[in-house]
Amino acid sequence: MTVRVEIMAIGNELLLGDTLDTNTQWLCQFVTGSGGRVERAVLLPDDRQVIARELRQALERKPDLILTTGGLGPTDDDLTLEAVSEALQRPLVINDAARDLVRRKYTALAEAGYVADAALTDSRIKMACLPQGSEPVENPVGAAPAVITRTDQTILINLPGVPAEMKGIVTGPLQPLWHQLFRQVFRQREIYALCRDETILAPVLRNATSAFPDVYIKSRAREFGPDVRFRITLSTTGPDVPSVEARLDDAMARLIELLSQAGIGYSPS
């Protein structure tokens, strides 16, 4: 079964246009490449009520996985976990494991001379306050742990907004969870249609899609002008590599046949 995923990128800086949201693109690529399917992605401000409302609405849709980025830090505008607490009606409590992670991180930072001391101030303890029943995930790059919260239908994972921290957690400590969740295989192929007019190409793609409805076939203009080419991608997921590759082989063969019948040239690159 394909894992259905929703993504929420949180931060005023994203909506102001000060910071480009590269996290969502990276997570979409990761989820898709793992055989999952992203069904929704949104940008949200640092507003507890807005985040909580979006979380409640998402939980009503019952995706398998919700990923959030941003809002886990020590400052007053880092409100993601407060919003999770409100949405799930679970109180925020100091999590012993999270506190140990934060303590170890600041001890290492102090020993390296990056911070003045390792004291667990209120701001640092804030990063160890999790919704009751949640579990922390070590942040190998930064200080704020990621957080996993499970409901009956959905796993909610809160990730830091700093891209290096987010990627470090996803590709590191969360790997065992991904192996449990993602049981599908994703593959993609591409071909270039030597065609100036996408309206001529459209019926070809329609017929190919009709023959292989489980394969996503999409055209994109490579460039504009007299030498325009259309990049066509074919992608699908399945239970194992051989079946996925075989399906793409068949779909590609049919697409090439249809292109030839329509008098459209093609190139592998």
C-alpha atoms as a PDB file:
ATOM      1  CA  MET A   1       0.000   0.000   0.000  1.00  0.00           C
ATOM      2  CA  THR A   2       1.312   3.446  -0.931  1.00  0.00           C
ATOM      3  CA  VAL A   3       2.061   5.696   2.044  1.00  0.00           C
ATOM      4  CA  ARG A   4       0.021   8.903   1.807  1.00  0.00           C
ATOM      5  CA  VAL A   5       1.886  11.977   3.061  1.00  0.00           C
ATOM      6  CA  GLU A   6       1.110  15.613   3.843  1.00  0.00           C
ATOM      7  CA  ILE A   7       3.803  18.255   4.400  1.00  0.00           C
ATOM      8  CA  MET A   8       3.611  21.526   6.329  1.00  0.00           C
ATOM      9  CA  ALA A   9       6.450  24.041   6.106  1.00  0.00           C
ATOM     10  CA  ILE A  10       6.195  26.504   8.990  1.00  0.00           C
ATOM     11  CA  GLY A  11       7.771  29.947   9.273  1.00  0.00           C
ATOM     12  CA  ASN A  12       6.852  33.585   8.698  1.00  0.00           C
ATOM     13  CA  GLU A  13      10.033  33.985   6.661  1.00  0.00           C
ATOM     14  CA  LEU A  14       8.654  31.559   4.067  1.00  0.00           C
ATOM     15  CA  LEU A  15       5.417  33.469   3.578  1.00  0.00           C
ATOM     16  CA  LEU A  16       7.209  36.839   3.527  1.00  0.00           C
ATOM     17  CA  GLY A  17       9.397  35.581   0.719  1.00  0.00           C
ATOM     18  CA  ASP A  18      12.582  36.132   2.711  1.00  0.00           C
ATOM     19  CA  THR A  19      13.493  32.426   2.652  1.00  0.00           C
ATOM     20  CA  LEU A  20      12.956  29.924  -0.150  1.00  0.00           C
ATOM     21  CA  ASP A  21      11.198  26.770   1.011  1.00  0.00           C
ATOM     22  CA  THR A  22      13.631  24.139  -0.219  1.00  0.00           C
ATOM     23  CA  ASN A  23      12.563  21.730   2.535  1.00  0.00           C
ATOM     24  CA  THR A  24       9.243  20.882   0.913  1.00  0.00           C
ATOM     25  CA  GLN A  25      10.826  20.161  -2.462  1.00  0.00           C
ATOM     26  CA  TRP A  26      13.461  17.939  -0.846  1.00  0.00           C
ATOM     27  CA  LEU A  27      10.870  16.058   1.219  1.00  0.00           C
ATOM     28  CA  CYS A  28       8.644  15.580  -1.832  1.00  0.00           C
ATOM     29  CA  GLN A  29      11.572  14.045  -3.678  1.00  0.00           C
ATOM     30  CA  PHE A  30      12.431  11.858  -0.689  1.00  0.00           C
ATOM     31  CA  VAL A  31       8.869  10.621  -0.207  1.00  0.00           C
ATOM     32  CA  THR A  32       8.313   9.986  -3.909  1.00  0.00           C
ATOM     33  CA  GLY A  33      11.670   8.265  -4.268  1.00  0.00           C
ATOM     34  CA  SER A  34      10.778   6.045  -1.304  1.00  0.00           C
ATOM     35  CA  GLY A  35       7.567   4.909  -2.993  1.00  0.00           C
ATOM     36  CA  GLY A  36       5.215   7.216  -1.052  1.00  0.00           C
ATOM     37  CA  ARG A  37       2.812   9.806  -2.406  1.00  0.00           C
ATOM     38  CA  VAL A  38       2.629  13.436  -1.292  1.00  0.00           C
ATOM     39  CA  GLU A  39      -1.036  14.442  -1.394  1.00  0.00           C
ATOM     40  CA  ARG A  40      -0.772  17.946   0.032  1.00  0.00           C
ATOM     41  CA  ALA A  41       1.880  20.528   0.949  1.00  0.00           C
ATOM     42  CA  VAL A  42       1.273  23.924   2.553  1.00  0.00           C
ATOM     43  CA  LEU A  43       3.182  26.930   3.921  1.00  0.00           C
ATOM     44  CA  LEU A  44       2.073  28.167   7.335  1.00  0.00           C
ATOM     45  CA  PRO A  45       2.975  31.164   9.508  1.00  0.00           C
ATOM     46  CA  ASP A  46       4.392  31.012  13.018  1.00  0.00           C
ATOM     47  CA  ASP A  47       0.887  31.140  14.446  1.00  0.00           C
ATOM     48  CA  ARG A  48      -0.174  28.498  16.964  1.00  0.00           C
ATOM     49  CA  GLN A  49      -3.869  28.644  16.109  1.00  0.00           C
ATOM     50  CA  VAL A  50      -3.273  28.481  12.343  1.00  0.00           C
ATOM     51  CA  ILE A  51      -0.898  25.520  12.686  1.00  0.00           C
ATOM     52  CA  ALA A  52      -3.255  23.705  15.075  1.00  0.00           C
ATOM     53  CA  ARG A  53      -6.203  24.246  12.727  1.00  0.00           C
ATOM     54  CA  GLU A  54      -4.242  22.892   9.755  1.00  0.00           C
ATOM     55  CA  LEU A  55      -3.145  19.885  11.798  1.00  0.00           C
ATOM     56  CA  ARG A  56      -6.708  19.096  12.858  1.00  0.00           C
ATOM     57  CA  GLN A  57      -7.909  19.301   9.269  1.00  0.00           C
ATOM     58  CA  ALA A  58      -5.060  17.107   8.092  1.00  0.00           C
ATOM     59  CA  LEU A  59      -5.754  14.504  10.768  1.00  0.00           C
ATOM     60  CA  GLU A  60      -9.380  14.378   9.640  1.00  0.00           C
ATOM     61  CA  ARG A  61      -8.117  13.338   6.181  1.00  0.00           C
ATOM     62  CA  LYS A  62      -6.202  10.484   7.889  1.00  0.00           C
ATOM     63  CA  PRO A  63      -2.962  10.474   5.890  1.00  0.00           C
ATOM     64  CA  ASP A  64      -0.435   7.848   6.889  1.00  0.00           C
ATOM     65  CA  LEU A  65       2.228  10.456   7.612  1.00  0.00           C
ATOM     66  CA  ILE A  66       2.348  14.182   8.319  1.00  0.00           C
ATOM     67  CA  LEU A  67       5.716  15.943   8.132  1.00  0.00           C
ATOM     68  CA  THR A  68       6.231  19.460   9.476  1.00  0.00           C
ATOM     69  CA  THR A  69       9.373  21.573   9.208  1.00  0.00           C
ATOM     70  CA  GLY A  70      10.233  24.554  11.379  1.00  0.00           C
ATOM     71  CA  GLY A  71       9.191  25.939  14.741  1.00  0.00           C
ATOM     72  CA  LEU A  72      11.078  23.604  17.093  1.00  0.00           C
ATOM     73  CA  GLY A  73      13.681  26.048  18.385  1.00  0.00           C
ATOM     74  CA  PRO A  74      14.109  27.933  21.685  1.00  0.00           C
ATOM     75  CA  THR A  75      12.539  31.291  20.767  1.00  0.00           C
ATOM     76  CA  ASP A  76       9.024  32.476  21.512  1.00  0.00           C
ATOM     77  CA  ASP A  77       7.956  32.300  17.865  1.00  0.00           C
ATOM     78  CA  ASP A  78       8.825  28.582  17.659  1.00  0.00           C
ATOM     79  CA  LEU A  79       5.285  27.335  18.203  1.00  0.00           C
ATOM     80  CA  THR A  80       4.958  24.043  16.355  1.00  0.00           C
ATOM     81  CA  LEU A  81       4.869  21.763  19.390  1.00  0.00           C
ATOM     82  CA  GLU A  82       2.415  24.052  21.164  1.00  0.00           C
ATOM     83  CA  ALA A  83       0.194  23.741  18.096  1.00  0.00           C
ATOM     84  CA  VAL A  84       0.529  19.943  18.120  1.00  0.00           C
ATOM     85  CA  SER A  85      -0.408  19.967  21.807  1.00  0.00           C
ATOM     86  CA  GLU A  86      -3.511  22.017  21.041  1.00  0.00           C
ATOM     87  CA  ALA A  87      -4.535  20.018  17.985  1.00  0.00           C
ATOM     88  CA  LEU A  88      -4.209  16.662  19.766  1.00  0.00           C
ATOM     89  CA  GLN A  89      -5.304  17.935  23.163  1.00  0.00           C
ATOM     90  CA  ARG A  90      -2.182  16.499  24.744  1.00  0.00           C
ATOM     91  CA  PRO A  91      -0.366  18.647  27.324  1.00  0.00           C
ATOM     92  CA  LEU A  92       3.228  19.705  26.807  1.00  0.00           C
ATOM     93  CA  VAL A  93       5.509  18.002  29.323  1.00  0.00           C
ATOM     94  CA  ILE A  94       9.260  17.842  29.828  1.00  0.00           C
ATOM     95  CA  ASN A  95      10.371  14.646  28.123  1.00  0.00           C
ATOM     96  CA  ASP A  96      13.303  13.039  29.951  1.00  0.00           C
ATOM     97  CA  ALA A  97      14.832  11.576  26.808  1.00  0.00           C
ATOM     98  CA  ALA A  98      14.537  14.900  24.984  1.00  0.00           C
ATOM     99  CA  ARG A  99      16.087  16.732  27.918  1.00  0.00           C
ATOM    100  CA  ASP A 100      19.030  14.331  27.847  1.00  0.00           C
ATOM    101  CA  LEU A 101      19.494  14.946  24.132  1.00  0.00           C
ATOM    102  CA  VAL A 102      19.464  18.719  24.642  1.00  0.00           C
ATOM    103  CA  ARG A 103      21.830  18.459  27.615  1.00  0.00           C
ATOM    104  CA  ARG A 104      24.334  16.356  25.684  1.00  0.00           C
ATOM    105  CA  LYS A 105      24.188  18.693  22.706  1.00  0.00           C
ATOM    106  CA  TYR A 106      24.880  21.828  24.764  1.00  0.00           C
ATOM    107  CA  THR A 107      27.610  20.088  26.730  1.00  0.00           C
ATOM    108  CA  ALA A 108      29.341  19.293  23.434  1.00  0.00           C
ATOM    109  CA  LEU A 109      28.790  22.832  22.162  1.00  0.00           C
ATOM    110  CA  ALA A 110      30.217  24.323  25.363  1.00  0.00           C
ATOM    111  CA  GLU A 111      33.258  22.050  25.250  1.00  0.00           C
ATOM    112  CA  ALA A 112      33.865  23.127  21.663  1.00  0.00           C
ATOM    113  CA  GLY A 113      33.566  26.781  22.652  1.00  0.00           C
ATOM    114  CA  TYR A 114      30.478  27.442  20.523  1.00  0.00           C
ATOM    115  CA  VAL A 115      28.347  28.500  23.521  1.00  0.00           C
ATOM    116  CA  ALA A 116      29.321  30.059  26.841  1.00  0.00           C
ATOM    117  CA  ASP A 117      28.051  27.226  29.022  1.00  0.00           C
ATOM    118  CA  ALA A 118      25.975  24.044  29.020  1.00  0.00           C
ATOM    119  CA  ALA A 119      23.337  25.165  31.544  1.00  0.00           C
ATOM    120  CA  LEU A 120      19.808  24.012  30.768  1.00  0.00           C
ATOM    121  CA  THR A 121      18.151  27.412  30.657  1.00  0.00           C
ATOM    122  CA  ASP A 122      14.408  27.846  30.212  1.00  0.00           C
ATOM    123  CA  SER A 123      14.929  28.466  26.490  1.00  0.00           C
ATOM    124  CA  ARG A 124      16.853  25.219  26.141  1.00  0.00           C
ATOM    125  CA  ILE A 125      14.380  23.252  28.240  1.00  0.00           C
ATOM    126  CA  LYS A 126      11.665  24.531  25.885  1.00  0.00           C
ATOM    127  CA  MET A 127      13.106  22.272  23.175  1.00  0.00           C
ATOM    128  CA  ALA A 128      12.576  19.273  25.485  1.00  0.00           C
ATOM    129  CA  CYS A 129       8.884  20.017  26.130  1.00  0.00           C
ATOM    130  CA  LEU A 130       6.935  17.564  23.990  1.00  0.00           C
ATOM    131  CA  PRO A 131       3.263  16.659  23.691  1.00  0.00           C
ATOM    132  CA  GLN A 132       2.524  13.902  26.150  1.00  0.00           C
ATOM    133  CA  GLY A 133       3.169  10.488  24.601  1.00  0.00           C
ATOM    134  CA  SER A 134       5.528  11.836  21.929  1.00  0.00           C
ATOM    135  CA  GLU A 135       9.083  10.654  21.458  1.00  0.00           C
ATOM    136  CA  PRO A 136      12.189  12.683  20.557  1.00  0.00           C
ATOM    137  CA  VAL A 137      14.559  11.929  17.703  1.00  0.00           C
ATOM    138  CA  GLU A 138      18.197  12.936  17.981  1.00  0.00           C
ATOM    139  CA  ASN A 139      19.284  15.880  15.851  1.00  0.00           C
ATOM    140  CA  PRO A 140      22.802  15.027  14.613  1.00  0.00           C
ATOM    141  CA  VAL A 141      23.384  18.554  13.302  1.00  0.00           C
ATOM    142  CA  GLY A 142      21.556  20.994  15.599  1.00  0.00           C
ATOM    143  CA  ALA A 143      20.128  21.243  19.087  1.00  0.00           C
ATOM    144  CA  ALA A 144      16.366  20.808  18.788  1.00  0.00           C
ATOM    145  CA  PRO A 145      15.248  17.155  18.619  1.00  0.00           C
ATOM    146  CA  ALA A 146      12.707  16.091  16.043  1.00  0.00           C
ATOM    147  CA  VAL A 147       9.469  14.729  17.479  1.00  0.00           C
ATOM    148  CA  ILE A 148       7.334  11.708  16.601  1.00  0.00           C
ATOM    149  CA  THR A 149       3.700  11.623  17.713  1.00  0.00           C
ATOM    150  CA  ARG A 150       1.465   8.703  16.849  1.00  0.00           C
ATOM    151  CA  THR A 151      -2.314   8.706  16.558  1.00  0.00           C
ATOM    152  CA  ASP A 152      -4.621   5.832  15.661  1.00  0.00           C
ATOM    153  CA  GLN A 153      -4.386   6.622  11.934  1.00  0.00           C
ATOM    154  CA  THR A 154      -1.410   8.914  11.414  1.00  0.00           C
ATOM    155  CA  ILE A 155       2.248   9.332  12.334  1.00  0.00           C
ATOM    156  CA  LEU A 156       3.143  12.988  12.844  1.00  0.00           C
ATOM    157  CA  ILE A 157       6.819  13.925  12.599  1.00  0.00           C
ATOM    158  CA  ASN A 158       8.006  17.434  13.460  1.00  0.00           C
ATOM    159  CA  LEU A 159      11.358  18.316  11.896  1.00  0.00           C
ATOM    160  CA  PRO A 160      13.600  21.364  12.325  1.00  0.00           C
ATOM    161  CA  GLY A 161      13.408  24.060   9.668  1.00  0.00           C
ATOM    162  CA  VAL A 162      17.150  24.399   9.069  1.00  0.00           C
ATOM    163  CA  PRO A 163      17.656  22.316   5.909  1.00  0.00           C
ATOM    164  CA  ALA A 164      20.890  20.656   7.069  1.00  0.00           C
ATOM    165  CA  GLU A 165      19.247  19.602  10.340  1.00  0.00           C
ATOM    166  CA  MET A 166      16.101  18.348   8.629  1.00  0.00           C
ATOM    167  CA  LYS A 167      18.074  16.303   6.090  1.00  0.00           C
ATOM    168  CA  GLY A 168      20.420  14.976   8.757  1.00  0.00           C
ATOM    169  CA  ILE A 169      17.498  13.591  10.748  1.00  0.00           C
ATOM    170  CA  VAL A 170      15.602  12.186   7.752  1.00  0.00           C
ATOM    171  CA  THR A 171      18.641  10.422   6.308  1.00  0.00           C
ATOM    172  CA  GLY A 172      20.003   9.396   9.720  1.00  0.00           C
ATOM    173  CA  PRO A 173      18.016   8.546  12.869  1.00  0.00           C
ATOM    174  CA  LEU A 174      14.690   8.139  11.037  1.00  0.00           C
ATOM    175  CA  GLN A 175      15.957   5.456   8.648  1.00  0.00           C
ATOM    176  CA  PRO A 176      14.531   2.539  10.695  1.00  0.00           C
ATOM    177  CA  LEU A 177      11.075   4.133  10.588  1.00  0.00           C
ATOM    178  CA  TRP A 178      11.239   4.643   6.823  1.00  0.00           C
ATOM    179  CA  HIS A 179      12.093   0.965   6.357  1.00  0.00           C
ATOM    180  CA  GLN A 180       8.937   0.079   8.296  1.00  0.00           C
ATOM    181  CA  LEU A 181       6.690   2.549   6.469  1.00  0.00           C
ATOM    182  CA  PHE A 182       7.774   2.562   2.850  1.00  0.00           C
ATOM    183  CA  ARG A 183       7.263  -0.829   1.245  1.00  0.00           C
ATOM    184  CA  GLN A 184       6.852   0.382  -2.344  1.00  0.00           C
ATOM    185  CA  VAL A 185       9.487   1.006  -5.023  1.00  0.00           C
ATOM    186  CA  PHE A 186       9.530   4.123  -7.216  1.00  0.00           C
ATOM    187  CA  ARG A 187      11.196   4.407 -10.620  1.00  0.00           C
ATOM    188  CA  GLN A 188      11.171   7.054 -13.356  1.00  0.00           C
ATOM    189  CA  ARG A 189      12.183   7.085 -17.028  1.00  0.00           C
ATOM    190  CA  GLU A 190      12.410   9.934 -19.513  1.00  0.00           C
ATOM    191  CA  ILE A 191      12.391  10.491 -23.253  1.00  0.00           C
ATOM    192  CA  TYR A 192      12.386  13.623 -25.413  1.00  0.00           C
ATOM    193  CA  ALA A 193       9.765  14.218 -28.090  1.00  0.00           C
ATOM    194  CA  LEU A 194      11.016  16.252 -31.048  1.00  0.00           C
ATOM    195  CA  CYS A 195       7.803  18.145 -31.503  1.00  0.00           C
ATOM    196  CA  ARG A 196       7.122  21.879 -31.718  1.00  0.00           C
ATOM    197  CA  ASP A 197       3.453  21.696 -30.842  1.00  0.00           C
ATOM    198  CA  GLU A 198       2.239  20.209 -27.560  1.00  0.00           C
ATOM    199  CA  THR A 199      -1.312  19.984 -28.910  1.00  0.00           C
ATOM    200  CA  ILE A 200      -0.057  17.341 -31.366  1.00  0.00           C
ATOM    201  CA  LEU A 201       1.686  15.521 -28.553  1.00  0.00           C
ATOM    202  CA  ALA A 202      -1.339  15.597 -26.218  1.00  0.00           C
ATOM    203  CA  PRO A 203      -3.344  12.789 -27.940  1.00  0.00           C
ATOM    204  CA  VAL A 204      -0.257  10.555 -27.899  1.00  0.00           C
ATOM    205  CA  LEU A 205       0.139  11.021 -24.161  1.00  0.00           C
ATOM    206  CA  ARG A 206      -3.577  10.513 -23.637  1.00  0.00           C
ATOM    207  CA  ASN A 207      -3.484   7.171 -25.426  1.00  0.00           C
ATOM    208  CA  ALA A 208      -0.367   6.059 -23.555  1.00  0.00           C
ATOM    209  CA  THR A 209      -1.935   6.983 -20.230  1.00  0.00           C
ATOM    210  CA  SER A 210      -5.117   5.150 -21.157  1.00  0.00           C
ATOM    211  CA  ALA A 211      -3.119   1.997 -21.853  1.00  0.00           C
ATOM    212  CA  PHE A 212      -1.102   2.329 -18.621  1.00  0.00           C
ATOM    213  CA  PRO A 213      -3.254   4.189 -16.073  1.00  0.00           C
ATOM    214  CA  ASP A 214      -0.915   3.212 -13.218  1.00  0.00           C
ATOM    215  CA  VAL A 215       2.025   4.976 -14.899  1.00  0.00           C
ATOM    216  CA  TYR A 216       2.219   8.759 -14.500  1.00  0.00           C
ATOM    217  CA  ILE A 217       3.129  10.257 -17.880  1.00  0.00           C
ATOM    218  CA  LYS A 218       3.901  13.972 -18.031  1.00  0.00           C
ATOM    219  CA  SER A 219       5.351  16.270 -20.706  1.00  0.00           C
ATOM    220  CA  ARG A 220       7.376  19.428 -20.055  1.00  0.00           C
ATOM    221  CA  ALA A 221       8.779  21.875 -22.582  1.00  0.00           C
ATOM    222  CA  ARG A 222      12.572  21.631 -22.740  1.00  0.00           C
ATOM    223  CA  GLU A 223      12.936  25.000 -24.432  1.00  0.00           C
ATOM    224  CA  PHE A 224      10.962  27.347 -26.656  1.00  0.00           C
ATOM    225  CA  GLY A 225      11.672  28.245 -30.276  1.00  0.00           C
ATOM    226  CA  PRO A 226      12.135  26.377 -33.554  1.00  0.00           C
ATOM    227  CA  ASP A 227      14.050  23.545 -31.881  1.00  0.00           C
ATOM    228  CA  VAL A 228      11.614  22.986 -29.044  1.00  0.00           C
ATOM    229  CA  ARG A 229      11.689  19.551 -27.410  1.00  0.00           C
ATOM    230  CA  PHE A 230       9.320  18.092 -24.855  1.00  0.00           C
ATOM    231  CA  ARG A 231      10.715  16.082 -21.958  1.00  0.00           C
ATOM    232  CA  ILE A 232       8.335  13.216 -21.180  1.00  0.00           C
ATOM    233  CA  THR A 233       8.676  11.428 -17.870  1.00  0.00           C
ATOM    234  CA  LEU A 234       7.119   8.086 -17.013  1.00  0.00           C
ATOM    235  CA  SER A 235       6.995   7.066 -13.361  1.00  0.00           C
ATOM    236  CA  THR A 236       5.257   4.480 -11.234  1.00  0.00           C
ATOM    237  CA  THR A 237       5.459   2.597  -7.951  1.00  0.00           C
ATOM    238  CA  GLY A 238       5.114  -1.078  -7.193  1.00  0.00           C
ATOM    239  CA  PRO A 239       5.951  -3.802  -4.690  1.00  0.00           C
ATOM    240  CA  ASP A 240       9.391  -4.630  -6.107  1.00  0.00           C
ATOM    241  CA  VAL A 241      11.999  -3.456  -8.614  1.00  0.00           C
ATOM    242  CA  PRO A 242      11.437  -6.143 -11.296  1.00  0.00           C
ATOM    243  CA  SER A 243       7.694  -5.495 -11.558  1.00  0.00           C
ATOM    244  CA  VAL A 244       8.158  -1.721 -11.648  1.00  0.00           C
ATOM    245  CA  GLU A 245      10.896  -1.908 -14.273  1.00  0.00           C
ATOM    246  CA  ALA A 246       8.817  -4.268 -16.397  1.00  0.00           C
ATOM    247  CA  ARG A 247       5.825  -1.962 -16.234  1.00  0.00           C
ATOM    248  CA  LEU A 248       7.923   1.022 -17.304  1.00  0.00           C
ATOM    249  CA  ASP A 249       9.478  -1.009 -20.118  1.00  0.00           C
ATOM    250  CA  ASP A 250       6.012  -1.807 -21.464  1.00  0.00           C
ATOM    251  CA  ALA A 251       4.768   1.778 -21.081  1.00  0.00           C
ATOM    252  CA  MET A 252       7.850   3.210 -22.766  1.00  0.00           C
ATOM    253  CA  ALA A 253       7.530   0.765 -25.672  1.00  0.00           C
ATOM    254  CA  ARG A 254       3.906   1.766 -26.173  1.00  0.00           C
ATOM    255  CA  LEU A 255       4.755   5.475 -25.979  1.00  0.00           C
ATOM    256  CA  ILE A 256       7.485   5.109 -28.599  1.00  0.00           C
ATOM    257  CA  GLU A 257       5.071   3.204 -30.826  1.00  0.00           C
ATOM    258  CA  LEU A 258       2.478   5.980 -30.501  1.00  0.00           C
ATOM    259  CA  LEU A 259       5.058   8.697 -31.171  1.00  0.00           C
ATOM    260  CA  SER A 260       6.134   6.909 -34.342  1.00  0.00           C
ATOM    261  CA  GLN A 261       2.543   6.501 -35.505  1.00  0.00           C
ATOM    262  CA  ALA A 262       2.010  10.239 -35.040  1.00  0.00           C
ATOM    263  CA  GLY A 263       5.161  11.083 -36.991  1.00  0.00           C
ATOM    264  CA  ILE A 264       6.890  12.540 -33.940  1.00  0.00           C
ATOM    265  CA  GLY A 265      10.596  11.924 -33.536  1.00  0.00           C
ATOM    266  CA  TYR A 266      12.105  11.104 -30.189  1.00  0.00           C
ATOM    267  CA  SER A 267      15.429  10.983 -28.403  1.00  0.00           C
ATOM    268  CA  PRO A 268      16.562   9.386 -25.156  1.00  0.00           C
ATOM    269  CA  SER A 269      18.294  12.631 -24.098  1.00  0.00           C
END
